[in-house]
All heavy atoms as atom14 arrays in JSON, in Angstrom:
{
  "sequence": "YEPYIFESGRVPTREGLHDFFNGLIWLHFPQTKQKLNALQAS",
  "atom14_mask": [
    [1, 1, 1, 1, 1, 1, 1, 1, 1, 1, 1, 1, 0, 0],
    [1, 1, 1, 1, 1, 1, 1, 1, 1, 0, 0, 0, 0, 0],
    [1, 1, 1, 1, 1, 1, 1, 0, 0, 0, 0, 0, 0, 0],
    [1, 1, 1, 1, 1, 1, 1, 1, 1, 1, 1, 1, 0, 0],
    [1, 1, 1, 1, 1, 1, 1, 1, 0, 0, 0, 0, 0, 0],
    [1, 1, 1, 1, 1, 1, 1, 1, 1, 1, 1, 0, 0, 0],
    [1, 1, 1, 1, 1, 1, 1, 1, 1, 0, 0, 0, 0, 0],
    [1, 1, 1, 1, 1, 1, 0, 0, 0, 0, 0, 0, 0, 0],
    [1, 1, 1, 1, 0, 0, 0, 0, 0, 0, 0, 0, 0, 0],
    [1, 1, 1, 1, 1, 1, 1, 1, 1, 1, 1, 0, 0, 0],
    [1, 1, 1, 1, 1, 1, 1, 0, 0, 0, 0, 0, 0, 0],
    [1, 1, 1, 1, 1, 1, 1, 0, 0, 0, 0, 0, 0, 0],
    [1, 1, 1, 1, 1, 1, 1, 0, 0, 0, 0, 0, 0, 0],
    [1, 1, 1, 1, 1, 1, 1, 1, 1, 1, 1, 0, 0, 0],
    [1, 1, 1, 1, 1, 1, 1, 1, 1, 0, 0, 0, 0, 0],
    [1, 1, 1, 1, 0, 0, 0, 0, 0, 0, 0, 0, 0, 0],
    [1, 1, 1, 1, 1, 1, 1, 1, 0, 0, 0, 0, 0, 0],
    [1, 1, 1, 1, 1, 1, 1, 1, 1, 1, 0, 0, 0, 0],
    [1, 1, 1, 1, 1, 1, 1, 1, 0, 0, 0, 0, 0, 0],
    [1, 1, 1, 1, 1, 1, 1, 1, 1, 1, 1, 0, 0, 0],
    [1, 1, 1, 1, 1, 1, 1, 1, 1, 1, 1, 0, 0, 0],
    [1, 1, 1, 1, 1, 1, 1, 1, 0, 0, 0, 0, 0, 0],
    [1, 1, 1, 1, 0, 0, 0, 0, 0, 0, 0, 0, 0, 0],
    [1, 1, 1, 1, 1, 1, 1, 1, 0, 0, 0, 0, 0, 0],
    [1, 1, 1, 1, 1, 1, 1, 1, 0, 0, 0, 0, 0, 0],
    [1, 1, 1, 1, 1, 1, 1, 1, 1, 1, 1, 1, 1, 1],
    [1, 1, 1, 1, 1, 1, 1, 1, 0, 0, 0, 0, 0, 0],
    [1, 1, 1, 1, 1, 1, 1, 1, 1, 1, 0, 0, 0, 0],
    [1, 1, 1, 1, 1, 1, 1, 1, 1, 1, 1, 0, 0, 0],
    [1, 1, 1, 1, 1, 1, 1, 0, 0, 0, 0, 0, 0, 0],
    [1, 1, 1, 1, 1, 1, 1, 1, 1, 0, 0, 0, 0, 0],
    [1, 1, 1, 1, 1, 1, 1, 0, 0, 0, 0, 0, 0, 0],
    [1, 1, 1, 1, 1, 1, 1, 1, 1, 0, 0, 0, 0, 0],
    [1, 1, 1, 1, 1, 1, 1, 1, 1, 0, 0, 0, 0, 0],
    [1, 1, 1, 1, 1, 1, 1, 1, 1, 0, 0, 0, 0, 0],
    [1, 1, 1, 1, 1, 1, 1, 1, 0, 0, 0, 0, 0, 0],
    [1, 1, 1, 1, 1, 1, 1, 1, 0, 0, 0, 0, 0, 0],
    [1, 1, 1, 1, 1, 0, 0, 0, 0, 0, 0, 0, 0, 0],
    [1, 1, 1, 1, 1, 1, 1, 1, 0, 0, 0, 0, 0, 0],
    [1, 1, 1, 1, 1, 1, 1, 1, 1, 0, 0, 0, 0, 0],
    [1, 1, 1, 1, 1, 0, 0, 0, 0, 0, 0, 0, 0, 0],
    [1, 1, 1, 1, 1, 1, 0, 0, 0, 0, 0, 0, 0, 0]
  ],
  "atom14_positions": [
    [[6.32, 92.24, 91.41], [7.19, 92.19, 90.22], [8.41, 91.27, 90.44], [8.65, 90.38, 89.66], [7.64, 93.66, 89.91], [8.51, 93.8, 88.76], [8.06, 93.77, 87.44], [9.88, 94.08, 88.99], [8.93, 93.96, 86.37], [10.77, 94.25, 87.86], [10.26, 94.25, 86.65], [11.09, 94.41, 85.56], [0.0, 0.0, 0.0], [0.0, 0.0, 0.0]],
    [[9.17, 91.52, 91.42], [10.48, 90.73, 91.63], [10.24, 89.3, 91.89], [10.89, 88.5, 91.32], [11.32, 91.43, 92.71], [11.78, 92.85, 92.36], [12.89, 92.97, 91.3], [13.34, 91.82, 90.86], [13.3, 94.09, 90.96], [0.0, 0.0, 0.0], [0.0, 0.0, 0.0], [0.0, 0.0, 0.0], [0.0, 0.0, 0.0], [0.0, 0.0, 0.0]],
    [[9.36, 88.96, 92.77], [9.04, 87.6, 93.09], [8.47, 86.8, 91.84], [8.79, 85.68, 91.57], [8.08, 87.57, 94.27], [8.32, 88.77, 95.1], [8.72, 89.78, 93.93], [0.0, 0.0, 0.0], [0.0, 0.0, 0.0], [0.0, 0.0, 0.0], [0.0, 0.0, 0.0], [0.0, 0.0, 0.0], [0.0, 0.0, 0.0], [0.0, 0.0, 0.0]],
    [[7.77, 87.56, 91.03], [7.18, 86.89, 89.81], [8.22, 86.57, 88.85], [8.37, 85.45, 88.3], [6.16, 87.79, 89.2], [5.55, 87.25, 87.89], [4.62, 86.33, 87.85], [6.05, 87.76, 86.67], [4.01, 85.83, 86.71], [5.65, 87.25, 85.53], [4.61, 86.27, 85.59], [4.14, 85.75, 84.36], [0.0, 0.0, 0.0], [0.0, 0.0, 0.0]],
    [[9.22, 87.49, 88.66], [10.33, 87.23, 87.82], [11.17, 86.07, 88.29], [11.46, 85.17, 87.45], [11.24, 88.51, 87.57], [10.55, 89.59, 86.87], [12.47, 88.1, 86.77], [11.23, 90.85, 86.82], [0.0, 0.0, 0.0], [0.0, 0.0, 0.0], [0.0, 0.0, 0.0], [0.0, 0.0, 0.0], [0.0, 0.0, 0.0], [0.0, 0.0, 0.0]],
    [[11.44, 86.0, 89.61], [12.24, 84.97, 90.15], [11.57, 83.6, 89.98], [12.21, 82.57, 89.64], [12.44, 85.25, 91.75], [13.3, 84.23, 92.37], [14.61, 84.23, 92.14], [12.77, 83.31, 93.26], [15.46, 83.24, 92.79], [13.45, 82.44, 93.88], [14.85, 82.39, 93.69], [0.0, 0.0, 0.0], [0.0, 0.0, 0.0], [0.0, 0.0, 0.0]],
    [[10.31, 83.63, 90.18], [9.5, 82.28, 90.15], [9.25, 81.76, 88.62], [9.19, 80.59, 88.36], [8.22, 82.4, 90.78], [8.44, 82.51, 92.34], [7.31, 82.99, 93.11], [6.15, 83.09, 92.48], [7.29, 83.24, 94.32], [0.0, 0.0, 0.0], [0.0, 0.0, 0.0], [0.0, 0.0, 0.0], [0.0, 0.0, 0.0], [0.0, 0.0, 0.0]],
    [[9.07, 82.81, 87.77], [8.64, 82.42, 86.37], [9.69, 82.54, 85.38], [9.51, 81.95, 84.27], [7.43, 83.29, 86.04], [7.8, 84.64, 85.82], [0.0, 0.0, 0.0], [0.0, 0.0, 0.0], [0.0, 0.0, 0.0], [0.0, 0.0, 0.0], [0.0, 0.0, 0.0], [0.0, 0.0, 0.0], [0.0, 0.0, 0.0], [0.0, 0.0, 0.0]],
    [[10.72, 83.32, 85.57], [11.72, 83.62, 84.51], [11.14, 84.49, 83.49], [11.66, 84.54, 82.3], [0.0, 0.0, 0.0], [0.0, 0.0, 0.0], [0.0, 0.0, 0.0], [0.0, 0.0, 0.0], [0.0, 0.0, 0.0], [0.0, 0.0, 0.0], [0.0, 0.0, 0.0], [0.0, 0.0, 0.0], [0.0, 0.0, 0.0], [0.0, 0.0, 0.0]],
    [[10.05, 85.25, 83.72], [9.34, 86.11, 82.78], [9.47, 87.55, 83.38], [9.16, 87.81, 84.54], [7.98, 85.68, 82.53], [7.86, 84.34, 81.8], [6.59, 83.58, 82.2], [5.34, 84.29, 81.77], [4.68, 84.02, 80.69], [5.17, 83.29, 79.83], [3.57, 84.73, 80.35], [0.0, 0.0, 0.0], [0.0, 0.0, 0.0], [0.0, 0.0, 0.0]],
    [[9.84, 88.52, 82.5], [9.91, 89.94, 82.87], [8.89, 90.75, 82.32], [8.88, 91.05, 81.12], [11.35, 90.52, 82.37], [11.47, 91.92, 82.86], [12.5, 89.66, 82.87], [0.0, 0.0, 0.0], [0.0, 0.0, 0.0], [0.0, 0.0, 0.0], [0.0, 0.0, 0.0], [0.0, 0.0, 0.0], [0.0, 0.0, 0.0], [0.0, 0.0, 0.0]],
    [[7.91, 91.17, 83.14], [6.8, 91.95, 82.7], [7.49, 93.36, 82.21], [8.27, 94.0, 82.91], [5.91, 92.17, 83.89], [6.22, 91.06, 84.8], [7.75, 90.67, 84.58], [0.0, 0.0, 0.0], [0.0, 0.0, 0.0], [0.0, 0.0, 0.0], [0.0, 0.0, 0.0], [0.0, 0.0, 0.0], [0.0, 0.0, 0.0], [0.0, 0.0, 0.0]],
    [[6.98, 93.77, 81.05], [7.56, 94.95, 80.41], [6.59, 95.9, 79.84], [5.65, 95.48, 79.09], [8.48, 94.45, 79.27], [9.43, 93.49, 79.78], [9.21, 95.57, 78.51], [0.0, 0.0, 0.0], [0.0, 0.0, 0.0], [0.0, 0.0, 0.0], [0.0, 0.0, 0.0], [0.0, 0.0, 0.0], [0.0, 0.0, 0.0], [0.0, 0.0, 0.0]],
    [[6.69, 97.14, 80.28], [5.89, 98.2, 79.79], [6.51, 98.84, 78.52], [7.71, 98.57, 78.18], [5.67, 99.28, 80.84], [4.99, 98.8, 82.17], [5.24, 99.75, 83.24], [6.6, 99.99, 83.59], [7.08, 100.75, 84.45], [6.26, 101.4, 85.28], [8.43, 100.95, 84.73], [0.0, 0.0, 0.0], [0.0, 0.0, 0.0], [0.0, 0.0, 0.0]],
    [[5.69, 99.66, 77.89], [6.25, 100.46, 76.79], [7.01, 101.61, 77.31], [6.9, 102.05, 78.53], [5.12, 100.96, 75.85], [4.29, 99.76, 75.2], [5.18, 98.75, 74.57], [5.99, 99.14, 73.76], [5.02, 97.43, 74.87], [0.0, 0.0, 0.0], [0.0, 0.0, 0.0], [0.0, 0.0, 0.0], [0.0, 0.0, 0.0], [0.0, 0.0, 0.0]],
    [[7.79, 102.32, 76.42], [8.58, 103.38, 76.91], [10.11, 103.14, 77.15], [10.54, 101.99, 77.13], [0.0, 0.0, 0.0], [0.0, 0.0, 0.0], [0.0, 0.0, 0.0], [0.0, 0.0, 0.0], [0.0, 0.0, 0.0], [0.0, 0.0, 0.0], [0.0, 0.0, 0.0], [0.0, 0.0, 0.0], [0.0, 0.0, 0.0], [0.0, 0.0, 0.0]],
    [[10.79, 104.16, 77.41], [12.29, 104.12, 77.47], [12.72, 103.35, 78.74], [13.68, 102.53, 78.64], [12.87, 105.55, 77.63], [12.89, 106.32, 76.24], [13.13, 107.83, 76.63], [13.86, 105.86, 75.39], [0.0, 0.0, 0.0], [0.0, 0.0, 0.0], [0.0, 0.0, 0.0], [0.0, 0.0, 0.0], [0.0, 0.0, 0.0], [0.0, 0.0, 0.0]],
    [[12.02, 103.49, 79.86], [12.52, 102.93, 81.11], [12.59, 101.41, 80.92], [13.72, 100.75, 81.35], [11.5, 103.35, 82.21], [12.06, 102.95, 83.61], [12.96, 103.69, 84.3], [11.86, 101.81, 84.34], [13.29, 103.17, 85.45], [12.59, 102.08, 85.48], [0.0, 0.0, 0.0], [0.0, 0.0, 0.0], [0.0, 0.0, 0.0], [0.0, 0.0, 0.0]],
    [[11.52, 100.76, 80.5], [11.45, 99.36, 80.5], [12.31, 98.82, 79.27], [12.82, 97.71, 79.29], [10.05, 98.79, 80.47], [9.5, 98.76, 81.89], [10.09, 99.5, 82.78], [8.46, 98.04, 82.11], [0.0, 0.0, 0.0], [0.0, 0.0, 0.0], [0.0, 0.0, 0.0], [0.0, 0.0, 0.0], [0.0, 0.0, 0.0], [0.0, 0.0, 0.0]],
    [[12.47, 99.62, 78.23], [13.23, 99.21, 77.1], [14.73, 99.07, 77.58], [15.39, 98.07, 77.36], [13.24, 100.17, 75.95], [14.05, 99.93, 74.79], [13.8, 98.95, 73.94], [15.33, 100.51, 74.67], [14.7, 98.57, 72.88], [16.22, 100.22, 73.66], [15.82, 99.19, 72.71], [0.0, 0.0, 0.0], [0.0, 0.0, 0.0], [0.0, 0.0, 0.0]],
    [[15.27, 100.05, 78.24], [16.54, 100.01, 78.69], [16.67, 98.92, 79.75], [17.77, 98.3, 79.92], [17.02, 101.42, 79.29], [17.31, 102.36, 78.2], [16.75, 103.72, 78.27], [18.12, 102.12, 77.17], [16.95, 104.63, 77.27], [18.35, 103.05, 76.19], [17.79, 104.3, 76.33], [0.0, 0.0, 0.0], [0.0, 0.0, 0.0], [0.0, 0.0, 0.0]],
    [[15.74, 98.7, 80.64], [15.73, 97.62, 81.7], [15.97, 96.25, 80.88], [16.82, 95.45, 81.2], [14.58, 97.65, 82.45], [14.56, 96.39, 83.43], [15.48, 96.27, 84.22], [13.49, 95.6, 83.42], [0.0, 0.0, 0.0], [0.0, 0.0, 0.0], [0.0, 0.0, 0.0], [0.0, 0.0, 0.0], [0.0, 0.0, 0.0], [0.0, 0.0, 0.0]],
    [[15.11, 96.1, 79.82], [15.37, 94.82, 78.99], [16.78, 94.77, 78.42], [17.32, 93.77, 78.23], [0.0, 0.0, 0.0], [0.0, 0.0, 0.0], [0.0, 0.0, 0.0], [0.0, 0.0, 0.0], [0.0, 0.0, 0.0], [0.0, 0.0, 0.0], [0.0, 0.0, 0.0], [0.0, 0.0, 0.0], [0.0, 0.0, 0.0], [0.0, 0.0, 0.0]],
    [[17.19, 95.95, 77.87], [18.51, 95.87, 77.25], [19.63, 95.56, 78.14], [20.59, 94.7, 77.78], [18.77, 97.34, 76.61], [19.75, 97.43, 75.54], [19.51, 96.41, 74.38], [19.84, 98.86, 74.99], [0.0, 0.0, 0.0], [0.0, 0.0, 0.0], [0.0, 0.0, 0.0], [0.0, 0.0, 0.0], [0.0, 0.0, 0.0], [0.0, 0.0, 0.0]],
    [[19.59, 95.9, 79.45], [20.62, 95.57, 80.42], [20.37, 94.02, 80.78], [21.4, 93.29, 80.89], [20.43, 96.36, 81.7], [20.79, 97.83, 81.31], [21.27, 95.85, 82.67], [22.19, 98.12, 80.8], [0.0, 0.0, 0.0], [0.0, 0.0, 0.0], [0.0, 0.0, 0.0], [0.0, 0.0, 0.0], [0.0, 0.0, 0.0], [0.0, 0.0, 0.0]],
    [[19.23, 93.52, 80.75], [18.95, 92.12, 80.99], [19.74, 91.25, 79.79], [20.3, 90.27, 80.04], [17.55, 91.68, 80.92], [16.77, 91.61, 82.19], [15.93, 92.61, 82.72], [16.79, 90.6, 83.08], [15.45, 92.15, 83.93], [15.99, 91.04, 84.22], [17.44, 89.37, 83.18], [15.79, 90.1, 85.29], [17.23, 88.53, 84.29], [16.45, 88.95, 85.37]],
    [[19.62, 91.81, 78.58], [20.32, 91.1, 77.47], [21.87, 91.15, 77.58], [22.49, 90.18, 77.2], [19.91, 91.76, 76.11], [18.46, 91.69, 75.76], [18.21, 92.36, 74.44], [17.87, 90.33, 75.74], [0.0, 0.0, 0.0], [0.0, 0.0, 0.0], [0.0, 0.0, 0.0], [0.0, 0.0, 0.0], [0.0, 0.0, 0.0], [0.0, 0.0, 0.0]],
    [[22.35, 92.21, 78.16], [23.91, 92.33, 78.22], [24.4, 91.79, 79.52], [25.59, 91.33, 79.5], [24.26, 93.88, 78.1], [24.17, 94.32, 76.67], [22.96, 94.72, 76.14], [25.02, 94.61, 75.77], [23.13, 95.2, 74.92], [24.43, 95.01, 74.66], [0.0, 0.0, 0.0], [0.0, 0.0, 0.0], [0.0, 0.0, 0.0], [0.0, 0.0, 0.0]],
    [[23.68, 91.82, 80.65], [24.12, 91.37, 81.91], [23.17, 90.42, 82.58], [22.66, 90.65, 83.67], [24.39, 92.55, 82.94], [25.38, 93.57, 82.33], [24.96, 94.66, 81.67], [26.75, 93.28, 82.54], [25.85, 95.65, 81.34], [27.67, 94.28, 82.05], [27.23, 95.46, 81.4], [0.0, 0.0, 0.0], [0.0, 0.0, 0.0], [0.0, 0.0, 0.0]],
    [[22.86, 89.29, 81.95], [21.73, 88.46, 82.41], [22.04, 87.81, 83.76], [21.18, 87.76, 84.62], [21.67, 87.36, 81.31], [23.0, 87.31, 80.53], [23.42, 88.71, 80.6], [0.0, 0.0, 0.0], [0.0, 0.0, 0.0], [0.0, 0.0, 0.0], [0.0, 0.0, 0.0], [0.0, 0.0, 0.0], [0.0, 0.0, 0.0], [0.0, 0.0, 0.0]],
    [[23.33, 87.4, 84.07], [23.55, 86.84, 85.34], [23.55, 87.85, 86.41], [23.01, 87.63, 87.6], [25.05, 86.21, 85.24], [25.1, 85.0, 84.31], [26.45, 84.36, 84.36], [26.77, 83.54, 85.31], [27.29, 84.68, 83.31], [0.0, 0.0, 0.0], [0.0, 0.0, 0.0], [0.0, 0.0, 0.0], [0.0, 0.0, 0.0], [0.0, 0.0, 0.0]],
    [[24.03, 89.08, 86.2], [23.88, 90.03, 87.21], [22.43, 90.41, 87.5], [22.02, 90.62, 88.61], [24.71, 91.39, 86.74], [26.07, 90.94, 86.44], [24.72, 92.38, 87.84], [0.0, 0.0, 0.0], [0.0, 0.0, 0.0], [0.0, 0.0, 0.0], [0.0, 0.0, 0.0], [0.0, 0.0, 0.0], [0.0, 0.0, 0.0], [0.0, 0.0, 0.0]],
    [[21.68, 90.67, 86.4], [20.23, 90.94, 86.62], [19.5, 89.81, 87.46], [18.73, 90.14, 88.33], [19.61, 91.18, 85.25], [19.98, 92.42, 84.64], [19.46, 93.67, 85.29], [18.02, 93.97, 84.96], [17.44, 95.18, 85.53], [0.0, 0.0, 0.0], [0.0, 0.0, 0.0], [0.0, 0.0, 0.0], [0.0, 0.0, 0.0], [0.0, 0.0, 0.0]],
    [[19.92, 88.55, 87.12], [19.22, 87.33, 87.79], [19.69, 87.39, 89.29], [18.86, 87.1, 90.21], [19.53, 86.13, 87.14], [18.98, 85.88, 85.85], [19.55, 84.66, 85.1], [20.51, 84.2, 85.5], [18.81, 84.25, 84.0], [0.0, 0.0, 0.0], [0.0, 0.0, 0.0], [0.0, 0.0, 0.0], [0.0, 0.0, 0.0], [0.0, 0.0, 0.0]],
    [[20.91, 87.89, 89.51], [21.44, 87.95, 90.91], [20.7, 89.04, 91.69], [20.25, 88.8, 92.86], [22.92, 88.16, 90.96], [23.57, 88.29, 92.39], [23.44, 86.9, 93.1], [24.28, 87.02, 94.37], [25.69, 86.96, 94.14], [0.0, 0.0, 0.0], [0.0, 0.0, 0.0], [0.0, 0.0, 0.0], [0.0, 0.0, 0.0], [0.0, 0.0, 0.0]],
    [[20.52, 90.2, 91.08], [19.82, 91.27, 91.74], [18.36, 90.91, 92.07], [17.83, 91.13, 93.03], [19.88, 92.58, 90.87], [21.23, 93.21, 90.75], [21.2, 94.31, 89.66], [21.65, 93.85, 92.12], [0.0, 0.0, 0.0], [0.0, 0.0, 0.0], [0.0, 0.0, 0.0], [0.0, 0.0, 0.0], [0.0, 0.0, 0.0], [0.0, 0.0, 0.0]],
    [[17.7, 90.22, 91.05], [16.47, 89.74, 91.24], [16.32, 88.77, 92.25], [15.4, 88.82, 93.12], [15.86, 89.15, 89.95], [14.55, 88.51, 90.01], [14.42, 87.26, 89.92], [13.58, 89.27, 90.34], [0.0, 0.0, 0.0], [0.0, 0.0, 0.0], [0.0, 0.0, 0.0], [0.0, 0.0, 0.0], [0.0, 0.0, 0.0], [0.0, 0.0, 0.0]],
    [[17.27, 87.82, 92.38], [17.22, 86.86, 93.44], [17.43, 87.49, 94.79], [16.69, 87.04, 95.84], [18.27, 85.79, 93.23], [0.0, 0.0, 0.0], [0.0, 0.0, 0.0], [0.0, 0.0, 0.0], [0.0, 0.0, 0.0], [0.0, 0.0, 0.0], [0.0, 0.0, 0.0], [0.0, 0.0, 0.0], [0.0, 0.0, 0.0], [0.0, 0.0, 0.0]],
    [[18.27, 88.49, 94.95], [18.49, 89.18, 96.2], [17.16, 89.84, 96.65], [16.78, 89.95, 97.8], [19.55, 90.23, 96.09], [20.95, 89.65, 95.95], [21.98, 90.72, 95.64], [21.46, 89.01, 97.28], [0.0, 0.0, 0.0], [0.0, 0.0, 0.0], [0.0, 0.0, 0.0], [0.0, 0.0, 0.0], [0.0, 0.0, 0.0], [0.0, 0.0, 0.0]],
    [[16.48, 90.57, 95.64], [15.26, 91.26, 96.0], [14.11, 90.29, 96.33], [13.4, 90.41, 97.38], [14.78, 92.04, 94.68], [15.63, 93.15, 94.33], [15.24, 94.39, 94.96], [14.52, 94.52, 95.96], [15.57, 95.58, 94.33], [0.0, 0.0, 0.0], [0.0, 0.0, 0.0], [0.0, 0.0, 0.0], [0.0, 0.0, 0.0], [0.0, 0.0, 0.0]],
    [[14.0, 89.13, 95.62], [13.02, 88.09, 95.89], [13.19, 87.58, 97.28], [12.3, 87.3, 98.04], [12.93, 87.17, 94.85], [0.0, 0.0, 0.0], [0.0, 0.0, 0.0], [0.0, 0.0, 0.0], [0.0, 0.0, 0.0], [0.0, 0.0, 0.0], [0.0, 0.0, 0.0], [0.0, 0.0, 0.0], [0.0, 0.0, 0.0], [0.0, 0.0, 0.0]],
    [[14.43, 87.23, 97.61], [14.79, 86.65, 98.86], [14.45, 87.59, 100.07], [13.93, 87.13, 101.08], [16.29, 86.19, 98.82], [16.71, 85.68, 100.15], [0.0, 0.0, 0.0], [0.0, 0.0, 0.0], [0.0, 0.0, 0.0], [0.0, 0.0, 0.0], [0.0, 0.0, 0.0], [0.0, 0.0, 0.0], [0.0, 0.0, 0.0], [0.0, 0.0, 0.0]]
  ]
}
């Protein structure tokens, strides 16, 4: 999951509350989410 997002810029998203809120945080804090993703992928 994390390396795929880092390499593609695409966030795989399931239905339900968990991934909805994950996406909502991406919309509000895109740079922070990208930083966390980069740390995970690295």
